[in-house]
Amino acid sequence: MAELTRTVTSQDTAAALGSGDTEVLGTPAMLAWMEQASRSELAASLSPEQTSVGTRVELEHLAAVTVGARVLVRADLAHTDGRLHRFVAAAQDDAGRLLATATLTRVVVDRERFLSRIS
């Protein structure tokens, strides 16, 4: 399990990210934090030549928080099939209120080979 705690800033809001026009935590920021947690959980098991890339996300943003709120994000490895790794993630505020849940899929790739395919 990987955990991270973030404090919502004005740059994390829906208004700043273009996903809405309110000064609450935007879904794109929530997703980025969940991606960071899942990547962190997987990174320790990779060789220096490897990295992981996100390939699928299903996220449900359940509750809003404002600038200044602290958010705890957890990601747990739920399934592995070769290079594919599926995580379940959740975010909550300091009061323990569930803010979002997600399922994220990451695939382990050879870093150089992956980058060489991008033109």
Protein backbone atom coordinates (compact mmCIF):
# COMPACT_ATOMS: atom_id res chain seq x y z
CA MET A 1 0.00 0.00 0.00
CA ALA A 2 1.21 3.49 -0.82
CA GLU A 3 -0.05 6.63 0.89
CA LEU A 4 0.42 10.30 0.25
CA THR A 5 -1.03 13.40 1.82
CA ARG A 6 -1.62 16.59 -0.12
CA THR A 7 -3.00 19.98 0.84
CA VAL A 8 -5.35 21.46 -1.76
CA THR A 9 -3.93 24.66 -3.28
CA SER A 10 -5.50 27.14 -5.67
CA GLN A 11 -3.62 25.39 -8.51
CA ASP A 12 -5.49 22.14 -7.70
CA THR A 13 -8.97 23.59 -8.11
CA ALA A 14 -11.45 22.79 -10.82
CA ALA A 15 -11.34 26.45 -11.90
CA ALA A 16 -7.55 26.44 -12.27
CA LEU A 17 -7.49 23.11 -14.12
CA GLY A 18 -10.34 23.93 -16.48
CA SER A 19 -12.55 21.06 -15.35
CA GLY A 20 -15.08 23.38 -13.74
CA ASP A 21 -15.47 26.92 -12.46
CA THR A 22 -15.41 26.40 -8.69
CA GLU A 23 -12.63 26.74 -6.14
CA VAL A 24 -12.79 23.11 -5.00
CA LEU A 25 -10.40 20.23 -5.62
CA GLY A 26 -10.62 19.37 -9.29
CA THR A 27 -11.00 15.83 -10.51
CA PRO A 28 -7.82 16.08 -12.64
CA ALA A 29 -5.78 16.85 -9.49
CA MET A 30 -7.45 14.00 -7.60
CA LEU A 31 -6.62 11.65 -10.46
CA ALA A 32 -3.00 12.83 -10.57
CA TRP A 33 -2.62 12.16 -6.84
CA MET A 34 -4.07 8.67 -7.23
CA GLU A 35 -1.72 8.02 -10.16
CA GLN A 36 1.22 9.17 -8.03
CA ALA A 37 0.27 6.80 -5.23
CA SER A 38 -0.17 3.81 -7.55
CA ARG A 39 3.09 4.58 -9.35
CA SER A 40 4.89 4.87 -6.02
CA GLU A 41 3.54 1.49 -4.91
CA LEU A 42 4.91 -0.16 -8.05
CA ALA A 43 8.19 1.76 -8.49
CA ALA A 44 10.07 -0.04 -5.72
CA SER A 45 9.78 -3.36 -7.55
CA LEU A 46 11.07 -2.08 -10.91
CA SER A 47 14.60 -2.20 -12.26
CA PRO A 48 16.25 1.10 -13.29
CA GLU A 49 15.52 0.22 -16.95
CA GLN A 50 11.79 -0.12 -16.29
CA THR A 51 8.97 2.30 -15.66
CA SER A 52 5.21 2.00 -15.56
CA VAL A 53 2.61 3.79 -17.62
CA GLY A 54 -1.04 4.33 -16.86
CA THR A 55 -3.40 2.65 -19.31
CA ARG A 56 -6.85 2.74 -17.73
CA VAL A 57 -8.66 4.66 -14.98
CA GLU A 58 -12.12 4.50 -13.53
CA LEU A 59 -12.62 7.25 -10.96
CA GLU A 60 -15.64 8.33 -8.97
CA HIS A 61 -15.30 11.77 -7.35
CA LEU A 62 -17.78 11.65 -4.47
CA ALA A 63 -17.33 14.82 -2.41
CA ALA A 64 -15.83 18.28 -2.72
CA VAL A 65 -13.16 19.92 -0.56
CA THR A 66 -11.90 23.48 -0.64
CA VAL A 67 -8.46 25.08 -0.80
CA GLY A 68 -6.52 24.31 2.37
CA ALA A 69 -8.09 20.88 2.94
CA ARG A 70 -5.73 17.97 3.54
CA VAL A 71 -6.34 14.86 1.46
CA LEU A 72 -4.99 11.38 2.21
CA VAL A 73 -4.69 9.13 -0.85
CA ARG A 74 -4.08 5.37 -0.60
CA ALA A 75 -3.38 2.94 -3.44
CA ASP A 76 -3.33 -0.83 -2.99
CA LEU A 77 -2.16 -3.37 -5.53
CA ALA A 78 -5.21 -5.53 -6.20
CA HIS A 79 -4.18 -7.67 -9.18
CA THR A 80 -1.09 -8.55 -11.19
CA ASP A 81 -0.96 -10.36 -14.52
CA GLY A 82 2.55 -10.28 -15.97
CA ARG A 83 3.34 -6.66 -16.76
CA LEU A 84 -0.19 -5.47 -15.91
CA HIS A 85 -0.87 -4.15 -12.40
CA ARG A 86 -4.30 -3.06 -11.20
CA PHE A 87 -4.71 -0.82 -8.17
CA VAL A 88 -7.64 0.28 -6.06
CA ALA A 89 -7.31 3.77 -4.66
CA ALA A 90 -9.28 5.93 -2.25
CA ALA A 91 -9.01 9.50 -1.01
CA GLN A 92 -10.38 10.93 2.20
CA ASP A 93 -10.25 14.21 4.07
CA ASP A 94 -8.99 14.73 7.65
CA ALA A 95 -12.42 13.85 9.02
CA GLY A 96 -12.29 10.48 7.26
CA ARG A 97 -14.94 11.43 4.71
CA LEU A 98 -14.52 9.46 1.49
CA LEU A 99 -13.79 11.89 -1.35
CA ALA A 100 -13.07 9.55 -4.27
CA THR A 101 -12.45 5.96 -5.26
CA ALA A 102 -10.69 4.64 -8.33
CA THR A 103 -9.37 1.61 -10.12
CA LEU A 104 -6.13 2.28 -11.99
CA THR A 105 -4.24 0.02 -14.37
CA ARG A 106 -0.52 0.41 -15.00
CA VAL A 107 1.71 -1.59 -17.34
CA VAL A 108 5.44 -2.10 -16.78
CA VAL A 109 7.53 -1.17 -19.81
CA ASP A 110 11.18 -0.95 -20.77
CA ARG A 111 11.81 2.81 -20.56
CA GLU A 112 14.09 3.14 -23.64
CA ARG A 113 11.98 0.87 -25.82
CA PHE A 114 8.83 2.76 -24.86
CA LEU A 115 10.38 6.16 -25.59
CA SER A 116 11.87 4.96 -28.89
CA ARG A 117 8.36 4.27 -30.20
CA ILE A 118 7.29 7.88 -29.78
CA SER A 119 7.96 10.02 -32.82
